[in-house]
Amino acid sequence: MILALLPFALLLLPVVACWIKLVSPGSCLFRQTRIGRGGRPFTMYKFRTMMPGSDGAIHAAHVRRLIRSNRPMIKLDSDDNRVIKGGLLMRMSGLDELPQLINVLRGEMSLIGPRPCIPDEVPLYEVDHHRRFAVQPGLTGLWQVERTKPTTFCGMAGLDVEYVDRLSPSFDFMILLRTPGTLVWQLKTSVMTRNGKETGRSTGRIFPVDAPPEAL
């Protein structure tokens, strides 16, 4: 699969890298320690979508609040002014994940599997959730294609465990086929959310009229 994707990736990689250099100083790549198979740490690569020197503690605090309140996992993306120009589009389209093909080629990740978590998340997992570390983390996975439904932290970890239980080539293929549709949904939702918030600013509302209860 990587060999099949390489021509596509080799066209996009320099384009995305050049865009990042044009709109923001600093390295094009973002490196972060993640936890892989067997609980082993590794360095994961992404295209940088935030301003240099952005404080990662803000994201960590946001995740802790969501976990403690058992609310659906909502990203900071649309409200984070540290995101570079075009960064949100890269995230929603999955372009920022392209450098992780390096991790796949190095055997640290797979195309399909649970998303690699940061070390701070590991102590928050319940005992059964640690089964997610029985397989390699992936570029996409069951939680990613199910994220069109509101999912809490425990629900997300439960989907990772479900993936381990149902592991098979056919199940991986099903997730792979559903991934493009999920990316399109993410882009559409991001645009609608941004437009709704802009409308909310002009009418005194913070959220669009049809915002789901979990967003409020």
C-alpha atoms as a PDB file:
ATOM      1  CA  MET A   1       0.000   0.000   0.000  1.00  0.00           C
ATOM      2  CA  ILE A   2       2.856   2.388   0.792  1.00  0.00           C
ATOM      3  CA  LEU A   3       4.401   1.745  -2.625  1.00  0.00           C
ATOM      4  CA  ALA A   4       1.057   2.505  -4.251  1.00  0.00           C
ATOM      5  CA  LEU A   5       0.739   5.752  -2.276  1.00  0.00           C
ATOM      6  CA  LEU A   6       4.316   6.942  -2.845  1.00  0.00           C
ATOM      7  CA  PRO A   7       3.741   8.705  -6.223  1.00  0.00           C
ATOM      8  CA  PHE A   8       0.814  10.623  -4.709  1.00  0.00           C
ATOM      9  CA  ALA A   9       2.770  11.406  -1.536  1.00  0.00           C
ATOM     10  CA  LEU A  10       5.901  12.526  -3.403  1.00  0.00           C
ATOM     11  CA  LEU A  11       3.793  15.094  -5.269  1.00  0.00           C
ATOM     12  CA  LEU A  12       2.129  16.461  -2.152  1.00  0.00           C
ATOM     13  CA  LEU A  13       5.029  16.421   0.318  1.00  0.00           C
ATOM     14  CA  PRO A  14       7.075  19.251  -1.284  1.00  0.00           C
ATOM     15  CA  VAL A  15       3.953  21.333  -1.957  1.00  0.00           C
ATOM     16  CA  VAL A  16       2.813  21.192   1.682  1.00  0.00           C
ATOM     17  CA  ALA A  17       6.365  21.769   2.947  1.00  0.00           C
ATOM     18  CA  CYS A  18       6.783  24.855   0.744  1.00  0.00           C
ATOM     19  CA  TRP A  19       3.450  26.265   1.918  1.00  0.00           C
ATOM     20  CA  ILE A  20       4.459  25.922   5.577  1.00  0.00           C
ATOM     21  CA  LYS A  21       7.759  27.705   4.905  1.00  0.00           C
ATOM     22  CA  LEU A  22       5.920  30.522   3.109  1.00  0.00           C
ATOM     23  CA  VAL A  23       3.429  31.239   5.888  1.00  0.00           C
ATOM     24  CA  SER A  24       5.501  30.475   8.982  1.00  0.00           C
ATOM     25  CA  PRO A  25       9.168  30.459  10.055  1.00  0.00           C
ATOM     26  CA  GLY A  26      10.748  27.302  11.423  1.00  0.00           C
ATOM     27  CA  SER A  27      10.879  23.646  10.510  1.00  0.00           C
ATOM     28  CA  CYS A  28       8.238  22.088   8.267  1.00  0.00           C
ATOM     29  CA  LEU A  29       8.156  18.946  10.393  1.00  0.00           C
ATOM     30  CA  PHE A  30       6.780  18.497  13.879  1.00  0.00           C
ATOM     31  CA  ARG A  31       8.267  15.694  15.984  1.00  0.00           C
ATOM     32  CA  GLN A  32       6.534  14.293  19.036  1.00  0.00           C
ATOM     33  CA  THR A  33       7.004  11.292  21.300  1.00  0.00           C
ATOM     34  CA  ARG A  34       4.124   8.835  20.988  1.00  0.00           C
ATOM     35  CA  ILE A  35       3.454   5.396  22.449  1.00  0.00           C
ATOM     36  CA  GLY A  36       3.477   2.462  20.060  1.00  0.00           C
ATOM     37  CA  ARG A  37       3.086  -1.282  20.135  1.00  0.00           C
ATOM     38  CA  GLY A  38       3.946  -2.865  23.460  1.00  0.00           C
ATOM     39  CA  GLY A  39       3.949   0.544  25.126  1.00  0.00           C
ATOM     40  CA  ARG A  40       7.256   1.487  23.494  1.00  0.00           C
ATOM     41  CA  PRO A  41       7.825   5.207  22.781  1.00  0.00           C
ATOM     42  CA  PHE A  42       8.840   6.406  19.332  1.00  0.00           C
ATOM     43  CA  THR A  43       9.195   9.707  17.502  1.00  0.00           C
ATOM     44  CA  MET A  44       6.197  10.453  15.299  1.00  0.00           C
ATOM     45  CA  TYR A  45       6.425  12.897  12.389  1.00  0.00           C
ATOM     46  CA  LYS A  46       3.798  15.350  11.183  1.00  0.00           C
ATOM     47  CA  PHE A  47       3.750  18.500   9.125  1.00  0.00           C
ATOM     48  CA  ARG A  48       3.807  21.447  11.502  1.00  0.00           C
ATOM     49  CA  THR A  49       0.452  23.255  11.575  1.00  0.00           C
ATOM     50  CA  MET A  50       1.059  25.553  14.552  1.00  0.00           C
ATOM     51  CA  MET A  51       3.231  28.585  15.112  1.00  0.00           C
ATOM     52  CA  PRO A  52       6.782  27.844  16.349  1.00  0.00           C
ATOM     53  CA  GLY A  53       7.067  27.687  20.130  1.00  0.00           C
ATOM     54  CA  SER A  54       3.392  26.920  20.728  1.00  0.00           C
ATOM     55  CA  ASP A  55       2.792  25.590  24.226  1.00  0.00           C
ATOM     56  CA  GLY A  56       1.739  21.936  24.132  1.00  0.00           C
ATOM     57  CA  ALA A  57       0.447  22.222  27.706  1.00  0.00           C
ATOM     58  CA  ILE A  58      -2.667  24.005  26.414  1.00  0.00           C
ATOM     59  CA  HIS A  59      -3.688  20.951  24.388  1.00  0.00           C
ATOM     60  CA  ALA A  60      -2.868  18.588  27.262  1.00  0.00           C
ATOM     61  CA  ALA A  61      -5.037  20.630  29.655  1.00  0.00           C
ATOM     62  CA  HIS A  62      -7.895  20.629  27.118  1.00  0.00           C
ATOM     63  CA  VAL A  63      -7.735  16.821  26.828  1.00  0.00           C
ATOM     64  CA  ARG A  64      -7.704  16.395  30.621  1.00  0.00           C
ATOM     65  CA  ARG A  65     -10.820  18.578  30.948  1.00  0.00           C
ATOM     66  CA  LEU A  66     -12.664  16.523  28.340  1.00  0.00           C
ATOM     67  CA  ILE A  67     -11.682  13.249  29.998  1.00  0.00           C
ATOM     68  CA  ARG A  68     -12.688  14.341  33.499  1.00  0.00           C
ATOM     69  CA  SER A  69     -16.036  15.687  32.320  1.00  0.00           C
ATOM     70  CA  ASN A  70     -16.639  12.599  30.113  1.00  0.00           C
ATOM     71  CA  ARG A  71     -17.611  14.939  27.265  1.00  0.00           C
ATOM     72  CA  PRO A  72     -17.144  14.096  23.568  1.00  0.00           C
ATOM     73  CA  MET A  73     -13.588  14.549  22.313  1.00  0.00           C
ATOM     74  CA  ILE A  74     -13.695  17.954  20.592  1.00  0.00           C
ATOM     75  CA  LYS A  75     -10.519  19.390  19.078  1.00  0.00           C
ATOM     76  CA  LEU A  76      -9.297  22.927  19.678  1.00  0.00           C
ATOM     77  CA  ASP A  77      -8.556  23.424  15.976  1.00  0.00           C
ATOM     78  CA  SER A  78     -11.284  25.850  14.962  1.00  0.00           C
ATOM     79  CA  ASP A  79     -10.723  28.138  17.980  1.00  0.00           C
ATOM     80  CA  ASP A  80      -6.931  27.966  18.231  1.00  0.00           C
ATOM     81  CA  ASN A  81      -5.244  31.124  16.988  1.00  0.00           C
ATOM     82  CA  ARG A  82      -1.859  29.379  17.143  1.00  0.00           C
ATOM     83  CA  VAL A  83      -2.710  27.397  13.991  1.00  0.00           C
ATOM     84  CA  ILE A  84      -0.846  28.692  10.924  1.00  0.00           C
ATOM     85  CA  LYS A  85      -2.627  29.892   7.792  1.00  0.00           C
ATOM     86  CA  GLY A  86      -3.936  26.804   6.001  1.00  0.00           C
ATOM     87  CA  GLY A  87      -3.129  24.623   9.023  1.00  0.00           C
ATOM     88  CA  LEU A  88      -6.751  23.758   9.748  1.00  0.00           C
ATOM     89  CA  LEU A  89      -7.258  22.623   6.165  1.00  0.00           C
ATOM     90  CA  MET A  90      -4.157  20.418   6.409  1.00  0.00           C
ATOM     91  CA  ARG A  91      -5.469  18.839   9.597  1.00  0.00           C
ATOM     92  CA  MET A  92      -9.004  18.260   8.385  1.00  0.00           C
ATOM     93  CA  SER A  93      -7.802  16.783   5.077  1.00  0.00           C
ATOM     94  CA  GLY A  94      -5.155  14.593   6.731  1.00  0.00           C
ATOM     95  CA  LEU A  95      -2.304  16.223   4.774  1.00  0.00           C
ATOM     96  CA  ASP A  96      -0.427  16.940   8.007  1.00  0.00           C
ATOM     97  CA  GLU A  97      -0.217  13.173   8.596  1.00  0.00           C
ATOM     98  CA  LEU A  98       1.678  12.402   5.364  1.00  0.00           C
ATOM     99  CA  PRO A  99       5.140  12.347   7.024  1.00  0.00           C
ATOM    100  CA  GLN A 100       3.928   9.428   9.123  1.00  0.00           C
ATOM    101  CA  LEU A 101       4.518   7.277   6.053  1.00  0.00           C
ATOM    102  CA  ILE A 102       8.120   7.431   7.284  1.00  0.00           C
ATOM    103  CA  ASN A 103       6.997   5.874  10.570  1.00  0.00           C
ATOM    104  CA  VAL A 104       5.169   3.156   8.627  1.00  0.00           C
ATOM    105  CA  LEU A 105       8.254   2.361   6.542  1.00  0.00           C
ATOM    106  CA  ARG A 106      10.327   2.225   9.735  1.00  0.00           C
ATOM    107  CA  GLY A 107       7.935  -0.328  11.230  1.00  0.00           C
ATOM    108  CA  GLU A 108       6.789   1.962  14.052  1.00  0.00           C
ATOM    109  CA  MET A 109       3.281   2.411  12.664  1.00  0.00           C
ATOM    110  CA  SER A 110       0.847   0.749  10.281  1.00  0.00           C
ATOM    111  CA  LEU A 111      -1.645   2.237   7.834  1.00  0.00           C
ATOM    112  CA  ILE A 112      -4.524   0.951   9.991  1.00  0.00           C
ATOM    113  CA  GLY A 113      -4.602   0.823  13.778  1.00  0.00           C
ATOM    114  CA  PRO A 114      -5.312   2.882  16.917  1.00  0.00           C
ATOM    115  CA  ARG A 115      -3.926   6.398  16.757  1.00  0.00           C
ATOM    116  CA  PRO A 116      -0.622   6.632  18.690  1.00  0.00           C
ATOM    117  CA  CYS A 117      -1.303   8.350  22.004  1.00  0.00           C
ATOM    118  CA  ILE A 118       0.930  10.793  23.859  1.00  0.00           C
ATOM    119  CA  PRO A 119       2.651   9.517  27.050  1.00  0.00           C
ATOM    120  CA  ASP A 120       0.449  11.679  29.315  1.00  0.00           C
ATOM    121  CA  GLU A 121      -2.661   9.794  28.178  1.00  0.00           C
ATOM    122  CA  VAL A 122      -1.420   6.338  29.183  1.00  0.00           C
ATOM    123  CA  PRO A 123      -2.075   6.724  32.966  1.00  0.00           C
ATOM    124  CA  LEU A 124      -5.670   7.695  32.135  1.00  0.00           C
ATOM    125  CA  TYR A 125      -6.450   4.385  30.433  1.00  0.00           C
ATOM    126  CA  GLU A 126      -8.376   1.716  32.283  1.00  0.00           C
ATOM    127  CA  VAL A 127      -6.770  -1.720  32.566  1.00  0.00           C
ATOM    128  CA  ASP A 128      -8.694  -3.159  29.615  1.00  0.00           C
ATOM    129  CA  HIS A 129      -7.781  -0.187  27.431  1.00  0.00           C
ATOM    130  CA  HIS A 130      -4.101  -1.161  27.519  1.00  0.00           C
ATOM    131  CA  ARG A 131      -4.961  -3.917  25.053  1.00  0.00           C
ATOM    132  CA  ARG A 132      -4.783  -1.248  22.341  1.00  0.00           C
ATOM    133  CA  PHE A 133      -0.996  -1.520  22.625  1.00  0.00           C
ATOM    134  CA  ALA A 134      -1.118  -5.112  21.340  1.00  0.00           C
ATOM    135  CA  VAL A 135      -1.007  -3.788  17.753  1.00  0.00           C
ATOM    136  CA  GLN A 136       0.913  -1.107  15.917  1.00  0.00           C
ATOM    137  CA  PRO A 137      -0.688   2.353  15.900  1.00  0.00           C
ATOM    138  CA  GLY A 138      -2.036   3.483  12.547  1.00  0.00           C
ATOM    139  CA  LEU A 139      -2.540   6.446  10.256  1.00  0.00           C
ATOM    140  CA  THR A 140      -6.263   5.764  10.404  1.00  0.00           C
ATOM    141  CA  GLY A 141      -8.391   3.439  12.482  1.00  0.00           C
ATOM    142  CA  LEU A 142     -11.811   2.450  13.760  1.00  0.00           C
ATOM    143  CA  TRP A 143     -12.235   5.543  15.937  1.00  0.00           C
ATOM    144  CA  GLN A 144     -11.321   7.814  13.033  1.00  0.00           C
ATOM    145  CA  VAL A 145     -14.060   6.406  10.768  1.00  0.00           C
ATOM    146  CA  GLU A 146     -16.595   6.392  13.623  1.00  0.00           C
ATOM    147  CA  ARG A 147     -15.886   9.971  14.729  1.00  0.00           C
ATOM    148  CA  THR A 148     -18.960  11.259  12.880  1.00  0.00           C
ATOM    149  CA  LYS A 149     -20.704  10.250  16.118  1.00  0.00           C
ATOM    150  CA  PRO A 150     -19.879  12.041  19.424  1.00  0.00           C
ATOM    151  CA  THR A 151     -17.319   9.897  21.283  1.00  0.00           C
ATOM    152  CA  THR A 152     -15.946  10.306  24.803  1.00  0.00           C
ATOM    153  CA  PHE A 153     -12.411   9.346  25.823  1.00  0.00           C
ATOM    154  CA  CYS A 154     -13.603   5.991  27.189  1.00  0.00           C
ATOM    155  CA  GLY A 155     -15.605   5.418  24.016  1.00  0.00           C
ATOM    156  CA  MET A 156     -12.549   6.170  21.903  1.00  0.00           C
ATOM    157  CA  ALA A 157     -10.387   3.767  23.912  1.00  0.00           C
ATOM    158  CA  GLY A 158     -13.161   1.167  23.690  1.00  0.00           C
ATOM    159  CA  LEU A 159     -13.159   1.419  19.892  1.00  0.00           C
ATOM    160  CA  ASP A 160      -9.401   0.841  19.915  1.00  0.00           C
ATOM    161  CA  VAL A 161      -9.908  -2.337  21.927  1.00  0.00           C
ATOM    162  CA  GLU A 162     -12.727  -3.389  19.593  1.00  0.00           C
ATOM    163  CA  TYR A 163     -10.337  -2.987  16.671  1.00  0.00           C
ATOM    164  CA  VAL A 164      -7.848  -5.345  18.352  1.00  0.00           C
ATOM    165  CA  ASP A 165     -10.607  -7.914  18.925  1.00  0.00           C
ATOM    166  CA  ARG A 166     -11.812  -7.734  15.307  1.00  0.00           C
ATOM    167  CA  LEU A 167      -8.370  -7.526  13.711  1.00  0.00           C
ATOM    168  CA  SER A 168      -8.342  -9.032  10.215  1.00  0.00           C
ATOM    169  CA  PRO A 169      -7.307  -8.014   6.674  1.00  0.00           C
ATOM    170  CA  SER A 170     -10.938  -7.585   5.645  1.00  0.00           C
ATOM    171  CA  PHE A 171     -11.668  -5.326   8.643  1.00  0.00           C
ATOM    172  CA  ASP A 172      -8.589  -3.223   7.839  1.00  0.00           C
ATOM    173  CA  PHE A 173      -9.751  -2.930   4.235  1.00  0.00           C
ATOM    174  CA  MET A 174     -13.194  -1.773   5.360  1.00  0.00           C
ATOM    175  CA  ILE A 175     -11.637   0.962   7.521  1.00  0.00           C
ATOM    176  CA  LEU A 176      -9.383   2.007   4.651  1.00  0.00           C
ATOM    177  CA  LEU A 177     -12.373   2.349   2.309  1.00  0.00           C
ATOM    178  CA  ARG A 178     -14.290   4.460   4.835  1.00  0.00           C
ATOM    179  CA  THR A 179     -11.400   6.832   5.550  1.00  0.00           C
ATOM    180  CA  PRO A 180     -11.761   9.134   2.483  1.00  0.00           C
ATOM    181  CA  GLY A 181     -15.449   9.680   3.279  1.00  0.00           C
ATOM    182  CA  THR A 182     -14.550  10.559   6.872  1.00  0.00           C
ATOM    183  CA  LEU A 183     -11.990  13.119   5.695  1.00  0.00           C
ATOM    184  CA  VAL A 184     -14.619  14.731   3.446  1.00  0.00           C
ATOM    185  CA  TRP A 185     -17.033  14.829   6.397  1.00  0.00           C
ATOM    186  CA  GLN A 186     -14.344  16.475   8.556  1.00  0.00           C
ATOM    187  CA  LEU A 187     -13.740  19.174   5.970  1.00  0.00           C
ATOM    188  CA  LYS A 188     -17.460  19.843   5.546  1.00  0.00           C
ATOM    189  CA  THR A 189     -18.050  19.975   9.307  1.00  0.00           C
ATOM    190  CA  SER A 190     -15.088  22.295   9.813  1.00  0.00           C
ATOM    191  CA  VAL A 191     -16.381  24.747   7.182  1.00  0.00           C
ATOM    192  CA  MET A 192     -19.921  24.656   8.582  1.00  0.00           C
ATOM    193  CA  THR A 193     -18.662  25.168  12.142  1.00  0.00           C
ATOM    194  CA  ARG A 194     -16.475  28.102  11.149  1.00  0.00           C
ATOM    195  CA  ASN A 195     -19.304  29.732   9.175  1.00  0.00           C
ATOM    196  CA  GLY A 196     -21.710  29.171  12.047  1.00  0.00           C
ATOM    197  CA  LYS A 197     -19.359  30.772  14.543  1.00  0.00           C
ATOM    198  CA  GLU A 198     -18.814  33.752  12.293  1.00  0.00           C
ATOM    199  CA  THR A 199     -22.609  34.138  12.072  1.00  0.00           C
ATOM    200  CA  GLY A 200     -22.794  33.771  15.841  1.00  0.00           C
ATOM    201  CA  ARG A 201     -20.384  36.676  16.320  1.00  0.00           C
ATOM    202  CA  SER A 202     -22.658  38.969  14.342  1.00  0.00           C
ATOM    203  CA  THR A 203     -25.830  37.907  16.181  1.00  0.00           C
ATOM    204  CA  GLY A 204     -24.438  37.573  19.677  1.00  0.00           C
ATOM    205  CA  ARG A 205     -24.385  33.763  19.501  1.00  0.00           C
ATOM    206  CA  ILE A 206     -21.275  31.731  20.178  1.00  0.00           C
ATOM    207  CA  PHE A 207     -22.529  28.561  18.489  1.00  0.00           C
ATOM    208  CA  PRO A 208     -24.629  27.987  15.379  1.00  0.00           C
ATOM    209  CA  VAL A 209     -28.369  27.626  15.938  1.00  0.00           C
ATOM    210  CA  ASP A 210     -28.298  23.889  15.159  1.00  0.00           C
ATOM    211  CA  ALA A 211     -25.254  23.141  17.328  1.00  0.00           C
ATOM    212  CA  PRO A 212     -25.576  19.769  19.103  1.00  0.00           C
ATOM    213  CA  PRO A 213     -26.041  19.772  22.895  1.00  0.00           C
ATOM    214  CA  GLU A 214     -22.506  18.443  23.489  1.00  0.00           C
ATOM    215  CA  ALA A 215     -21.073  21.554  21.799  1.00  0.00           C
ATOM    216  CA  LEU A 216     -22.921  23.763  24.270  1.00  0.00           C
END
